[in-house]
Amino acid sequence: MSEASTPGPHRAEPVIELKDIHVHHRARSGSIFKPTIVKAVNGVDFSIGRGETVGIVGESGCGKSTLASVLVGLQAPTSGEVLFRGKPALKRNAALRKEFGRSVSVVFQDPATALNPRMQVKDILTDPLTVHGIGSSASRAQRVKELLALVGLPASAAGAFPNQISGGQRQRVAIARALALDPDIIVADEPTSALDVSVRAQVLNLLSDLKSELNLGMVFISHDIQTVRYVSDRICVMNAGEIVEEGSAEQVFDRPSNAYTKTLLGAAPSLLHLPA
């Protein structure tokens, strides 16, 4: 890993730290006596604190989504250590699970499948508050109004079902749901790849504005290195389950040290038409 991966004095105290994380899967192609082991994540160190956006970029199958699953607690690593506010977090008791659930939220790739089609938007946004026992009916209703305004949706959207609004609006609802519990960290896994090109930049701008306004930490995962550059303070480049390069967005783009990073930079141009 590059020298840029060493935390500097300006970096926020990590909310989540991953140390030497391995996630290995047994592939179907092997035999009982000689199983084929796929190393989806292979020895990754990673940290994220409030107020910074860390982009994780790499081609499909490089392990970035598996790493995201470990970050949000959906996947247990084969080996390694997960720290939450400096404390071991792999074996969570009920209190730690609740605290972790409030602190770390996720925005999935496709809002059409991430949102319950049978629930109105107001119920989708109220649900996290209800599960965590936060507030009264009146205060939850007020929180729904605040969340809709925060992501740029009209108050009338509260009564709509997901199939009655556009893809971009659905992703805004998904982002609002992720913000419902006032988290420290949001993990956004390919949050714009299922959207029309015309609305991608709008959602990216929204995420950047929310990060600044709320002092959020954000992990932004994508296969498009130009998109990652647009939103990230720090970039981690993944290949074959490992972080092969890490540094500031400027450093990774202007002075890449890894051959795979140079390949990504020379690949498909950005749909956002960002300046060089």
Protein backbone atom coordinates (compact mmCIF):
# COMPACT_ATOMS: atom_id res chain seq x y z
CA MET A 1 0.00 0.00 0.00
CA SER A 2 1.24 3.50 -0.78
CA GLU A 3 2.54 5.97 1.76
CA ALA A 4 -0.64 7.96 1.21
CA SER A 5 -2.58 5.30 3.07
CA THR A 6 -0.98 6.31 6.35
CA PRO A 7 -3.44 8.44 8.32
CA GLY A 8 -2.32 12.03 8.49
CA PRO A 9 -3.00 14.58 11.24
CA HIS A 10 -5.95 16.03 9.25
CA ARG A 11 -7.82 12.74 9.14
CA ALA A 12 -10.86 12.31 11.38
CA GLU A 13 -10.88 9.64 14.08
CA PRO A 14 -12.04 6.45 12.33
CA VAL A 15 -15.59 5.30 12.94
CA ILE A 16 -14.87 1.95 11.29
CA GLU A 17 -11.50 0.27 10.83
CA LEU A 18 -10.81 -2.95 8.96
CA LYS A 19 -7.52 -4.70 9.69
CA ASP A 20 -6.13 -7.46 7.46
CA ILE A 21 -9.59 -8.47 6.26
CA HIS A 22 -9.94 -11.70 4.27
CA VAL A 23 -13.17 -13.00 2.75
CA HIS A 24 -12.80 -16.41 1.09
CA HIS A 25 -15.54 -18.33 -0.70
CA ARG A 26 -15.63 -21.94 -1.74
CA ALA A 27 -16.34 -22.13 -5.48
CA ARG A 28 -18.59 -24.74 -7.05
CA SER A 29 -15.90 -25.74 -9.53
CA GLY A 30 -13.78 -27.54 -6.93
CA SER A 31 -14.15 -31.00 -5.45
CA ILE A 32 -14.81 -32.18 -1.91
CA PHE A 33 -11.17 -33.04 -1.37
CA LYS A 34 -9.68 -30.19 -3.40
CA PRO A 35 -12.05 -27.22 -3.08
CA THR A 36 -11.46 -24.13 -5.17
CA ILE A 37 -11.15 -21.11 -2.89
CA VAL A 38 -12.00 -17.67 -4.24
CA LYS A 39 -10.30 -14.85 -2.34
CA ALA A 40 -12.92 -12.11 -2.74
CA VAL A 41 -11.09 -9.86 -0.28
CA ASN A 42 -7.47 -10.64 0.47
CA GLY A 43 -5.71 -8.78 3.27
CA VAL A 44 -7.36 -5.34 3.17
CA ASP A 45 -6.77 -2.53 5.66
CA PHE A 46 -9.30 0.30 5.49
CA SER A 47 -10.69 3.11 7.66
CA ILE A 48 -13.37 5.78 7.36
CA GLY A 49 -14.21 8.71 9.63
CA ARG A 50 -16.74 11.53 9.63
CA GLY A 51 -16.34 14.33 7.11
CA GLU A 52 -14.46 12.42 4.41
CA THR A 53 -15.52 10.56 1.30
CA VAL A 54 -13.47 7.52 0.41
CA GLY A 55 -13.97 6.09 -3.05
CA ILE A 56 -13.42 2.39 -3.69
CA VAL A 57 -12.99 1.67 -7.37
CA GLY A 58 -12.27 -1.41 -9.47
CA GLU A 59 -13.76 -3.57 -12.17
CA SER A 60 -16.60 -6.03 -11.54
CA GLY A 61 -15.48 -8.95 -9.40
CA CYS A 62 -12.58 -7.12 -7.76
CA GLY A 63 -14.10 -7.47 -4.27
CA LYS A 64 -15.34 -3.93 -3.65
CA SER A 65 -18.97 -4.90 -2.95
CA THR A 66 -17.84 -7.73 -0.68
CA LEU A 67 -15.73 -5.21 1.22
CA ALA A 68 -18.80 -2.96 1.50
CA SER A 69 -20.79 -5.86 2.96
CA VAL A 70 -18.13 -6.30 5.65
CA LEU A 71 -18.19 -2.55 6.36
CA VAL A 72 -21.94 -2.50 7.01
CA GLY A 73 -22.00 -5.79 8.92
CA LEU A 74 -23.81 -7.89 6.31
CA GLN A 75 -20.81 -10.17 5.73
CA ALA A 76 -18.54 -11.72 8.35
CA PRO A 77 -14.92 -11.88 7.21
CA THR A 78 -13.08 -15.19 7.05
CA SER A 79 -10.35 -13.57 9.12
CA GLY A 80 -9.24 -10.13 10.21
CA GLU A 81 -10.49 -7.50 12.62
CA VAL A 82 -13.36 -5.00 12.44
CA LEU A 83 -13.26 -2.08 14.87
CA PHE A 84 -16.18 0.25 15.54
CA ARG A 85 -15.07 3.41 17.32
CA GLY A 86 -11.95 1.60 18.37
CA LYS A 87 -13.70 -1.45 19.82
CA PRO A 88 -13.91 -4.98 18.35
CA ALA A 89 -17.19 -5.26 16.45
CA LEU A 90 -17.33 -8.72 14.89
CA LYS A 91 -19.15 -10.28 17.84
CA ARG A 92 -21.80 -7.69 18.64
CA ASN A 93 -24.17 -7.85 21.54
CA ALA A 94 -27.65 -6.33 21.20
CA ALA A 95 -26.55 -2.90 22.40
CA LEU A 96 -23.59 -2.73 20.00
CA ARG A 97 -25.72 -3.95 17.09
CA LYS A 98 -28.20 -1.15 17.77
CA GLU A 99 -25.46 1.46 18.06
CA PHE A 100 -23.77 0.19 14.89
CA GLY A 101 -27.09 0.17 13.02
CA ARG A 102 -27.69 3.81 13.87
CA SER A 103 -24.16 4.88 13.02
CA VAL A 104 -23.67 3.10 9.68
CA SER A 105 -26.21 3.23 6.84
CA VAL A 106 -26.17 1.90 3.29
CA VAL A 107 -27.50 3.07 -0.06
CA PHE A 108 -27.88 0.18 -2.49
CA GLN A 109 -27.37 0.12 -6.23
CA ASP A 110 -30.95 -0.25 -7.44
CA PRO A 111 -33.63 1.68 -5.55
CA ALA A 112 -36.35 -0.25 -7.40
CA THR A 113 -35.41 -3.40 -5.49
CA ALA A 114 -34.13 -1.71 -2.31
CA LEU A 115 -37.48 -0.06 -1.51
CA ASN A 116 -40.57 -2.02 -0.51
CA PRO A 117 -43.07 -1.46 -3.37
CA ARG A 118 -46.03 -1.94 -1.00
CA MET A 119 -45.00 0.84 1.37
CA GLN A 120 -45.62 4.53 0.90
CA VAL A 121 -42.57 6.78 1.04
CA LYS A 122 -43.58 8.13 4.46
CA ASP A 123 -43.68 4.57 5.86
CA ILE A 124 -40.33 3.71 4.26
CA LEU A 125 -38.76 6.71 6.00
CA THR A 126 -40.54 6.13 9.30
CA ASP A 127 -39.60 2.46 9.51
CA PRO A 128 -35.98 2.94 10.79
CA LEU A 129 -37.24 5.32 13.47
CA THR A 130 -39.89 2.83 14.56
CA VAL A 131 -37.45 -0.09 14.67
CA HIS A 132 -35.07 1.90 16.88
CA GLY A 133 -37.87 3.30 19.05
CA ILE A 134 -37.07 6.91 18.22
CA GLY A 135 -39.61 9.67 18.85
CA SER A 136 -43.39 9.85 18.88
CA SER A 137 -45.77 9.61 15.94
CA ALA A 138 -45.77 13.39 15.62
CA SER A 139 -41.98 13.72 15.76
CA ARG A 140 -41.55 10.90 13.24
CA ALA A 141 -43.95 12.61 10.84
CA GLN A 142 -41.93 15.81 11.22
CA ARG A 143 -38.71 13.90 10.60
CA VAL A 144 -40.16 12.53 7.35
CA LYS A 145 -40.83 16.10 6.18
CA GLU A 146 -37.27 17.11 7.10
CA LEU A 147 -35.76 14.14 5.27
CA LEU A 148 -37.75 14.79 2.10
CA ALA A 149 -36.66 18.43 2.11
CA LEU A 150 -33.06 17.38 2.76
CA VAL A 151 -32.91 15.27 -0.41
CA GLY A 152 -34.83 17.75 -2.55
CA LEU A 153 -38.22 16.05 -2.73
CA PRO A 154 -41.58 17.78 -2.21
CA ALA A 155 -43.65 17.00 0.87
CA SER A 156 -46.27 15.44 -1.42
CA ALA A 157 -43.85 12.59 -2.18
CA ALA A 158 -44.62 11.18 1.28
CA GLY A 159 -47.88 9.67 0.05
CA ALA A 160 -46.44 8.07 -3.09
CA PHE A 161 -45.45 4.46 -3.64
CA PRO A 162 -42.02 3.74 -5.15
CA ASN A 163 -43.48 2.79 -8.56
CA GLN A 164 -45.22 6.17 -8.77
CA ILE A 165 -41.98 8.18 -8.79
CA SER A 166 -38.96 8.25 -11.11
CA GLY A 167 -35.73 6.30 -10.66
CA GLY A 168 -33.86 9.40 -9.56
CA GLN A 169 -36.57 10.22 -7.03
CA ARG A 170 -36.52 6.64 -5.72
CA GLN A 171 -32.78 6.90 -5.14
CA ARG A 172 -33.37 10.17 -3.26
CA VAL A 173 -35.86 8.30 -1.06
CA ALA A 174 -33.24 5.59 -0.48
CA ILE A 175 -30.73 8.25 0.51
CA ALA A 176 -33.31 9.87 2.83
CA ARG A 177 -33.92 6.50 4.48
CA ALA A 178 -30.16 6.08 4.99
CA LEU A 179 -30.12 9.48 6.73
CA ALA A 180 -33.14 8.82 8.95
CA LEU A 181 -31.10 7.84 12.02
CA ASP A 182 -28.52 10.63 11.59
CA PRO A 183 -25.65 8.20 10.85
CA ASP A 184 -21.92 8.86 11.02
CA ILE A 185 -21.15 6.87 7.87
CA ILE A 186 -23.02 6.10 4.66
CA VAL A 187 -21.83 3.28 2.40
CA ALA A 188 -23.06 3.93 -1.16
CA ASP A 189 -22.62 0.84 -3.36
CA GLU A 190 -22.85 1.86 -7.04
CA PRO A 191 -25.63 4.34 -6.16
CA THR A 192 -25.90 5.85 -9.66
CA SER A 193 -25.31 2.88 -11.96
CA ALA A 194 -29.04 2.02 -12.24
CA LEU A 195 -30.00 5.61 -13.07
CA ASP A 196 -30.37 7.42 -16.36
CA VAL A 197 -27.31 9.42 -17.37
CA SER A 198 -29.29 12.65 -17.08
CA VAL A 199 -29.91 12.21 -13.33
CA ARG A 200 -26.58 10.69 -12.26
CA ALA A 201 -24.87 14.05 -11.79
CA GLN A 202 -27.85 15.32 -9.77
CA VAL A 203 -27.60 12.41 -7.33
CA LEU A 204 -23.81 12.76 -7.10
CA ASN A 205 -24.16 16.47 -6.35
CA LEU A 206 -26.78 15.66 -3.71
CA LEU A 207 -24.47 13.17 -1.99
CA SER A 208 -21.60 15.67 -2.02
CA ASP A 209 -23.81 18.43 -0.59
CA LEU A 210 -25.16 16.14 2.15
CA LYS A 211 -21.66 15.06 3.12
CA SER A 212 -20.60 18.68 3.59
CA GLU A 213 -23.82 19.83 5.26
CA LEU A 214 -24.07 16.93 7.72
CA ASN A 215 -20.33 16.21 8.16
CA LEU A 216 -20.96 12.65 7.00
CA GLY A 217 -18.37 10.04 6.31
CA MET A 218 -19.08 8.34 3.01
CA VAL A 219 -17.76 5.25 1.28
CA PHE A 220 -18.55 5.56 -2.42
CA ILE A 221 -18.15 2.36 -4.45
CA SER A 222 -18.08 2.32 -8.24
CA HIS A 223 -16.41 0.74 -11.26
CA ASP A 224 -16.15 4.22 -12.87
CA ILE A 225 -12.99 5.90 -11.64
CA GLN A 226 -14.05 9.26 -13.08
CA THR A 227 -17.25 9.20 -11.03
CA VAL A 228 -15.26 8.25 -7.93
CA ARG A 229 -12.94 11.15 -8.58
CA TYR A 230 -15.90 13.52 -8.71
CA VAL A 231 -17.05 12.80 -5.16
CA SER A 232 -14.00 11.46 -3.26
CA ASP A 233 -11.36 12.99 -1.03
CA ARG A 234 -9.42 9.73 -0.94
CA ILE A 235 -9.44 6.85 -3.42
CA CYS A 236 -8.71 3.15 -2.90
CA VAL A 237 -8.14 1.15 -6.08
CA MET A 238 -9.02 -2.54 -5.76
CA ASN A 239 -7.86 -5.41 -7.94
CA ALA A 240 -8.25 -9.14 -7.30
CA GLY A 241 -9.41 -8.60 -3.71
CA GLU A 242 -6.60 -6.24 -2.71
CA ILE A 243 -6.17 -2.49 -2.43
CA VAL A 244 -3.36 -1.90 -4.90
CA GLU A 245 -3.23 1.89 -4.61
CA GLU A 246 -4.51 4.46 -2.15
CA GLY A 247 -4.13 8.20 -1.94
CA SER A 248 -5.83 11.54 -2.39
CA ALA A 249 -7.99 11.88 -5.50
CA GLU A 250 -5.46 14.31 -6.94
CA GLN A 251 -2.52 12.00 -6.29
CA VAL A 252 -4.19 8.91 -7.74
CA PHE A 253 -5.18 10.76 -10.90
CA ASP A 254 -2.09 12.89 -11.46
CA ARG A 255 0.60 10.53 -10.18
CA PRO A 256 -0.70 6.92 -10.25
CA SER A 257 1.95 4.41 -9.21
CA ASN A 258 0.17 1.13 -10.01
CA ALA A 259 -0.20 -0.31 -13.52
CA TYR A 260 -3.81 -1.34 -12.86
CA THR A 261 -4.71 2.21 -11.81
CA LYS A 262 -3.20 3.51 -15.05
CA THR A 263 -5.31 0.98 -16.97
CA LEU A 264 -8.48 2.20 -15.26
CA LEU A 265 -7.61 5.80 -16.02
CA GLY A 266 -7.11 4.95 -19.67
CA ALA A 267 -10.37 3.05 -19.96
CA ALA A 268 -13.87 4.31 -20.81
CA PRO A 269 -14.31 8.11 -20.61
CA SER A 270 -16.55 9.56 -17.95
CA LEU A 271 -20.21 10.13 -18.72
CA LEU A 272 -20.03 13.24 -16.57
CA HIS A 273 -17.50 14.94 -18.91
CA LEU A 274 -15.38 16.08 -16.03
CA PRO A 275 -12.41 18.39 -16.69
CA ALA A 276 -8.98 16.78 -16.73
